[in-house]
């Protein structure tokens, strides 16, 4: 994972992403990658899965 922290509090999934970071352009070059689970991953200590991408368009 890149720049993604996940915790479970009770029945709530808490996702933390630092929006000030970036990992450069996507493969297509159309967006800038800020955070990614890099595919589907398990929620900590749960049966659920999550796939997350956070990106922005270049200026």
PDB file of N, CA and C in Angstrom:
ATOM      1  N   UNK A   1       0.841  -1.184   0.000  1.00  0.00           N
ATOM      2  CA  UNK A   1       0.000   0.000   0.000  1.00  0.00           C
ATOM      3  C   UNK A   1       0.880   1.240   0.000  1.00  0.00           C
ATOM      4  N   UNK A   2       0.372   2.262  -0.606  1.00  0.00           N
ATOM      5  CA  UNK A   2       1.071   3.542  -0.652  1.00  0.00           C
ATOM      6  C   UNK A   2       0.230   4.592   0.060  1.00  0.00           C
ATOM      7  N   UNK A   3       0.717   5.118   1.188  1.00  0.00           N
ATOM      8  CA  UNK A   3       0.120   6.270   1.850  1.00  0.00           C
ATOM      9  C   UNK A   3      -1.321   6.008   2.312  1.00  0.00           C
ATOM     10  N   UNK A   4      -1.608   4.781   2.739  1.00  0.00           N
ATOM     11  CA  UNK A   4      -2.935   4.429   3.244  1.00  0.00           C
ATOM     12  C   UNK A   4      -2.774   3.734   4.593  1.00  0.00           C
ATOM     13  N   UNK A   5      -3.454   4.264   5.603  1.00  0.00           N
ATOM     14  CA  UNK A   5      -3.512   3.613   6.911  1.00  0.00           C
ATOM     15  C   UNK A   5      -4.965   3.280   7.196  1.00  0.00           C
ATOM     16  N   UNK A   6      -5.229   2.038   7.612  1.00  0.00           N
ATOM     17  CA  UNK A   6      -6.593   1.619   7.920  1.00  0.00           C
ATOM     18  C   UNK A   6      -6.647   1.067   9.335  1.00  0.00           C
ATOM     19  N   UNK A   7      -7.677   1.459  10.062  1.00  0.00           N
ATOM     20  CA  UNK A   7      -7.952   0.901  11.378  1.00  0.00           C
ATOM     21  C   UNK A   7      -9.450   0.664  11.482  1.00  0.00           C
ATOM     22  N   UNK A   8      -9.817  -0.270  12.347  1.00  0.00           N
ATOM     23  CA  UNK A   8     -11.221  -0.542  12.616  1.00  0.00           C
ATOM     24  C   UNK A   8     -11.503  -0.122  14.042  1.00  0.00           C
ATOM     25  N   UNK A   9     -12.523   0.730  14.199  1.00  0.00           N
ATOM     26  CA  UNK A   9     -12.971   1.167  15.518  1.00  0.00           C
ATOM     27  C   UNK A   9     -14.429   0.760  15.647  1.00  0.00           C
ATOM     28  N   UNK A  10     -14.687  -0.271  16.440  1.00  0.00           N
ATOM     29  CA  UNK A  10     -16.045  -0.803  16.529  1.00  0.00           C
ATOM     30  C   UNK A  10     -16.440  -1.382  15.185  1.00  0.00           C
ATOM     31  N   UNK A  11     -17.492  -0.845  14.600  1.00  0.00           N
ATOM     32  CA  UNK A  11     -17.957  -1.285  13.282  1.00  0.00           C
ATOM     33  C   UNK A  11     -17.587  -0.298  12.186  1.00  0.00           C
ATOM     34  N   UNK A  12     -16.669   0.632  12.485  1.00  0.00           N
ATOM     35  CA  UNK A  12     -16.280   1.672  11.526  1.00  0.00           C
ATOM     36  C   UNK A  12     -14.865   1.453  11.017  1.00  0.00           C
ATOM     37  N   UNK A  13     -14.700   1.550   9.704  1.00  0.00           N
ATOM     38  CA  UNK A  13     -13.388   1.511   9.078  1.00  0.00           C
ATOM     39  C   UNK A  13     -12.886   2.941   8.965  1.00  0.00           C
ATOM     40  N   UNK A  14     -11.729   3.206   9.533  1.00  0.00           N
ATOM     41  CA  UNK A  14     -11.112   4.527   9.476  1.00  0.00           C
ATOM     42  C   UNK A  14      -9.952   4.451   8.483  1.00  0.00           C
ATOM     43  N   UNK A  15      -9.989   5.313   7.473  1.00  0.00           N
ATOM     44  CA  UNK A  15      -8.939   5.350   6.444  1.00  0.00           C
ATOM     45  C   UNK A  15      -8.230   6.682   6.553  1.00  0.00           C
ATOM     46  N   UNK A  16      -6.894   6.633   6.649  1.00  0.00           N
ATOM     47  CA  UNK A  16      -6.100   7.852   6.759  1.00  0.00           C
ATOM     48  C   UNK A  16      -5.168   7.950   5.557  1.00  0.00           C
ATOM     49  N   UNK A  17      -5.249   9.100   4.856  1.00  0.00           N
ATOM     50  CA  UNK A  17      -4.421   9.378   3.682  1.00  0.00           C
ATOM     51  C   UNK A  17      -3.842  10.777   3.837  1.00  0.00           C
ATOM     52  N   UNK A  18      -2.534  10.908   3.668  1.00  0.00           N
ATOM     53  CA  UNK A  18      -1.883  12.222   3.699  1.00  0.00           C
ATOM     54  C   UNK A  18      -1.996  12.837   2.310  1.00  0.00           C
ATOM     55  N   UNK A  19      -2.867  13.833   2.167  1.00  0.00           N
ATOM     56  CA  UNK A  19      -3.128  14.437   0.861  1.00  0.00           C
ATOM     57  C   UNK A  19      -1.999  15.320   0.360  1.00  0.00           C
ATOM     58  N   UNK A  20      -0.988  15.573   1.203  1.00  0.00           N
ATOM     59  CA  UNK A  20       0.141  16.398   0.759  1.00  0.00           C
ATOM     60  C   UNK A  20       1.169  15.586  -0.028  1.00  0.00           C
ATOM     61  N   UNK A  21       1.061  14.264  -0.022  1.00  0.00           N
ATOM     62  CA  UNK A  21       2.027  13.413  -0.721  1.00  0.00           C
ATOM     63  C   UNK A  21       1.563  13.124  -2.137  1.00  0.00           C
ATOM     64  N   UNK A  22       2.526  12.790  -2.993  1.00  0.00           N
ATOM     65  CA  UNK A  22       2.167  12.218  -4.291  1.00  0.00           C
ATOM     66  C   UNK A  22       3.262  11.271  -4.733  1.00  0.00           C
ATOM     67  N   UNK A  23       2.863  10.318  -5.556  1.00  0.00           N
ATOM     68  CA  UNK A  23       3.774   9.281  -6.025  1.00  0.00           C
ATOM     69  C   UNK A  23       3.998   9.366  -7.523  1.00  0.00           C
ATOM     70  N   UNK A  24       3.771  10.560  -8.064  1.00  0.00           N
ATOM     71  CA  UNK A  24       4.032  10.778  -9.474  1.00  0.00           C
ATOM     72  C   UNK A  24       2.852  10.413 -10.342  1.00  0.00           C
ATOM     73  N   UNK A  25       3.058  10.452 -11.645  1.00  0.00           N
ATOM     74  CA  UNK A  25       1.961  10.222 -12.577  1.00  0.00           C
ATOM     75  C   UNK A  25       1.529   8.754 -12.618  1.00  0.00           C
ATOM     76  N   UNK A  26       0.257   8.554 -12.955  1.00  0.00           N
ATOM     77  CA  UNK A  26      -0.259   7.211 -13.198  1.00  0.00           C
ATOM     78  C   UNK A  26       0.386   6.667 -14.470  1.00  0.00           C
ATOM     79  N   UNK A  27       0.131   5.399 -14.762  1.00  0.00           N
ATOM     80  CA  UNK A  27       0.708   4.810 -15.976  1.00  0.00           C
ATOM     81  C   UNK A  27       0.260   5.546 -17.233  1.00  0.00           C
ATOM     82  N   UNK A  28      -0.990   6.008 -17.226  1.00  0.00           N
ATOM     83  CA  UNK A  28      -1.498   6.721 -18.408  1.00  0.00           C
ATOM     84  C   UNK A  28      -0.983   8.155 -18.463  1.00  0.00           C
ATOM     85  N   UNK A  29      -0.530   8.681 -17.312  1.00  0.00           N
ATOM     86  CA  UNK A  29      -0.052  10.050 -17.254  1.00  0.00           C
ATOM     87  C   UNK A  29      -1.155  11.082 -17.105  1.00  0.00           C
ATOM     88  N   UNK A  30      -2.398  10.621 -16.995  1.00  0.00           N
ATOM     89  CA  UNK A  30      -3.525  11.555 -16.910  1.00  0.00           C
ATOM     90  C   UNK A  30      -3.745  12.084 -15.498  1.00  0.00           C
ATOM     91  N   UNK A  31      -3.284  11.361 -14.491  1.00  0.00           N
ATOM     92  CA  UNK A  31      -3.501  11.768 -13.098  1.00  0.00           C
ATOM     93  C   UNK A  31      -2.223  11.611 -12.285  1.00  0.00           C
ATOM     94  N   UNK A  32      -2.212  12.237 -11.096  1.00  0.00           N
ATOM     95  CA  UNK A  32      -1.113  12.109 -10.140  1.00  0.00           C
ATOM     96  C   UNK A  32      -1.610  11.222  -8.996  1.00  0.00           C
ATOM     97  N   UNK A  33      -0.878  10.173  -8.698  1.00  0.00           N
ATOM     98  CA  UNK A  33      -1.275   9.231  -7.648  1.00  0.00           C
ATOM     99  C   UNK A  33      -0.930   9.805  -6.285  1.00  0.00           C
ATOM    100  N   UNK A  34      -1.915   9.829  -5.378  1.00  0.00           N
ATOM    101  CA  UNK A  34      -1.714  10.314  -4.019  1.00  0.00           C
ATOM    102  C   UNK A  34      -1.656   9.153  -3.032  1.00  0.00           C
ATOM    103  N   UNK A  35      -2.508   8.145  -3.240  1.00  0.00           N
ATOM    104  CA  UNK A  35      -2.537   6.979  -2.356  1.00  0.00           C
ATOM    105  C   UNK A  35      -3.194   5.816  -3.088  1.00  0.00           C
ATOM    106  N   UNK A  36      -2.816   4.602  -2.702  1.00  0.00           N
ATOM    107  CA  UNK A  36      -3.424   3.434  -3.325  1.00  0.00           C
ATOM    108  C   UNK A  36      -3.211   2.199  -2.455  1.00  0.00           C
ATOM    109  N   UNK A  37      -4.217   1.339  -2.439  1.00  0.00           N
ATOM    110  CA  UNK A  37      -4.026   0.028  -1.817  1.00  0.00           C
ATOM    111  C   UNK A  37      -3.354  -0.918  -2.807  1.00  0.00           C
ATOM    112  N   UNK A  38      -3.192  -0.485  -4.042  1.00  0.00           N
ATOM    113  CA  UNK A  38      -2.564  -1.273  -5.108  1.00  0.00           C
ATOM    114  C   UNK A  38      -3.305  -2.589  -5.328  1.00  0.00           C
ATOM    115  N   UNK A  39      -4.603  -2.474  -5.479  1.00  0.00           N
ATOM    116  CA  UNK A  39      -5.462  -3.642  -5.656  1.00  0.00           C
ATOM    117  C   UNK A  39      -6.339  -3.827  -4.427  1.00  0.00           C
ATOM    118  N   UNK A  40      -7.063  -4.930  -4.399  1.00  0.00           N
ATOM    119  CA  UNK A  40      -7.944  -5.203  -3.269  1.00  0.00           C
ATOM    120  C   UNK A  40      -7.158  -5.833  -2.130  1.00  0.00           C
ATOM    121  N   UNK A  41      -7.392  -5.336  -0.919  1.00  0.00           N
ATOM    122  CA  UNK A  41      -6.717  -5.852   0.277  1.00  0.00           C
ATOM    123  C   UNK A  41      -7.755  -6.089   1.366  1.00  0.00           C
ATOM    124  N   UNK A  42      -7.399  -6.896   2.338  1.00  0.00           N
ATOM    125  CA  UNK A  42      -8.296  -7.180   3.454  1.00  0.00           C
ATOM    126  C   UNK A  42      -8.339  -6.021   4.431  1.00  0.00           C
ATOM    127  N   UNK A  43      -9.523  -5.759   4.958  1.00  0.00           N
ATOM    128  CA  UNK A  43      -9.671  -4.805   6.059  1.00  0.00           C
ATOM    129  C   UNK A  43      -9.041  -5.472   7.281  1.00  0.00           C
ATOM    130  N   UNK A  44      -8.253  -4.726   8.076  1.00  0.00           N
ATOM    131  CA  UNK A  44      -7.561  -5.346   9.216  1.00  0.00           C
ATOM    132  C   UNK A  44      -8.512  -6.129  10.131  1.00  0.00           C
ATOM    133  N   UNK A  45      -8.180  -7.401  10.333  1.00  0.00           N
ATOM    134  CA  UNK A  45      -8.890  -8.295  11.255  1.00  0.00           C
ATOM    135  C   UNK A  45     -10.368  -8.469  10.918  1.00  0.00           C
ATOM    136  N   UNK A  46     -10.713  -8.347   9.621  1.00  0.00           N
ATOM    137  CA  UNK A  46     -12.102  -8.497   9.168  1.00  0.00           C
ATOM    138  C   UNK A  46     -12.123  -9.329   7.894  1.00  0.00           C
ATOM    139  N   UNK A  47     -13.322  -9.741   7.469  1.00  0.00           N
ATOM    140  CA  UNK A  47     -13.485 -10.510   6.230  1.00  0.00           C
ATOM    141  C   UNK A  47     -13.657  -9.621   5.006  1.00  0.00           C
ATOM    142  N   UNK A  48     -13.981  -8.346   5.212  1.00  0.00           N
ATOM    143  CA  UNK A  48     -14.224  -7.443   4.095  1.00  0.00           C
ATOM    144  C   UNK A  48     -12.922  -7.102   3.355  1.00  0.00           C
ATOM    145  N   UNK A  49     -13.094  -6.718   2.108  1.00  0.00           N
ATOM    146  CA  UNK A  49     -11.977  -6.276   1.253  1.00  0.00           C
ATOM    147  C   UNK A  49     -12.216  -4.836   0.843  1.00  0.00           C
ATOM    148  N   UNK A  50     -11.129  -4.148   0.505  1.00  0.00           N
ATOM    149  CA  UNK A  50     -11.220  -2.767   0.028  1.00  0.00           C
ATOM    150  C   UNK A  50     -10.200  -2.556  -1.085  1.00  0.00           C
ATOM    151  N   UNK A  51     -10.592  -1.771  -2.066  1.00  0.00           N
ATOM    152  CA  UNK A  51      -9.693  -1.308  -3.118  1.00  0.00           C
ATOM    153  C   UNK A  51      -9.817   0.208  -3.184  1.00  0.00           C
ATOM    154  N   UNK A  52      -8.720   0.917  -2.987  1.00  0.00           N
ATOM    155  CA  UNK A  52      -8.776   2.373  -2.884  1.00  0.00           C
ATOM    156  C   UNK A  52      -7.707   3.013  -3.750  1.00  0.00           C
ATOM    157  N   UNK A  53      -8.122   4.040  -4.507  1.00  0.00           N
ATOM    158  CA  UNK A  53      -7.188   4.889  -5.257  1.00  0.00           C
ATOM    159  C   UNK A  53      -7.567   6.332  -4.988  1.00  0.00           C
ATOM    160  N   UNK A  54      -6.581   7.149  -4.624  1.00  0.00           N
ATOM    161  CA  UNK A  54      -6.784   8.580  -4.443  1.00  0.00           C
ATOM    162  C   UNK A  54      -5.842   9.255  -5.435  1.00  0.00           C
ATOM    163  N   UNK A  55      -6.395  10.148  -6.259  1.00  0.00           N
ATOM    164  CA  UNK A  55      -5.587  10.802  -7.281  1.00  0.00           C
ATOM    165  C   UNK A  55      -6.115  12.200  -7.540  1.00  0.00           C
ATOM    166  N   UNK A  56      -5.319  12.968  -8.257  1.00  0.00           N
ATOM    167  CA  UNK A  56      -5.746  14.298  -8.677  1.00  0.00           C
ATOM    168  C   UNK A  56      -5.281  14.508 -10.107  1.00  0.00           C
ATOM    169  N   UNK A  57      -5.922  15.440 -10.769  1.00  0.00           N
ATOM    170  CA  UNK A  57      -5.503  15.809 -12.114  1.00  0.00           C
ATOM    171  C   UNK A  57      -4.394  16.839 -12.004  1.00  0.00           C
ATOM    172  N   UNK A  58      -3.382  16.751 -12.863  1.00  0.00           N
ATOM    173  CA  UNK A  58      -2.298  17.733 -12.813  1.00  0.00           C
ATOM    174  C   UNK A  58      -2.807  19.128 -13.139  1.00  0.00           C
ATOM    175  N   UNK A  59      -2.101  20.095 -12.616  1.00  0.00           N
ATOM    176  CA  UNK A  59      -2.493  21.504 -12.846  1.00  0.00           C
ATOM    177  C   UNK A  59      -2.304  21.914 -14.279  1.00  0.00           C
TER     178      UNK A  59
END
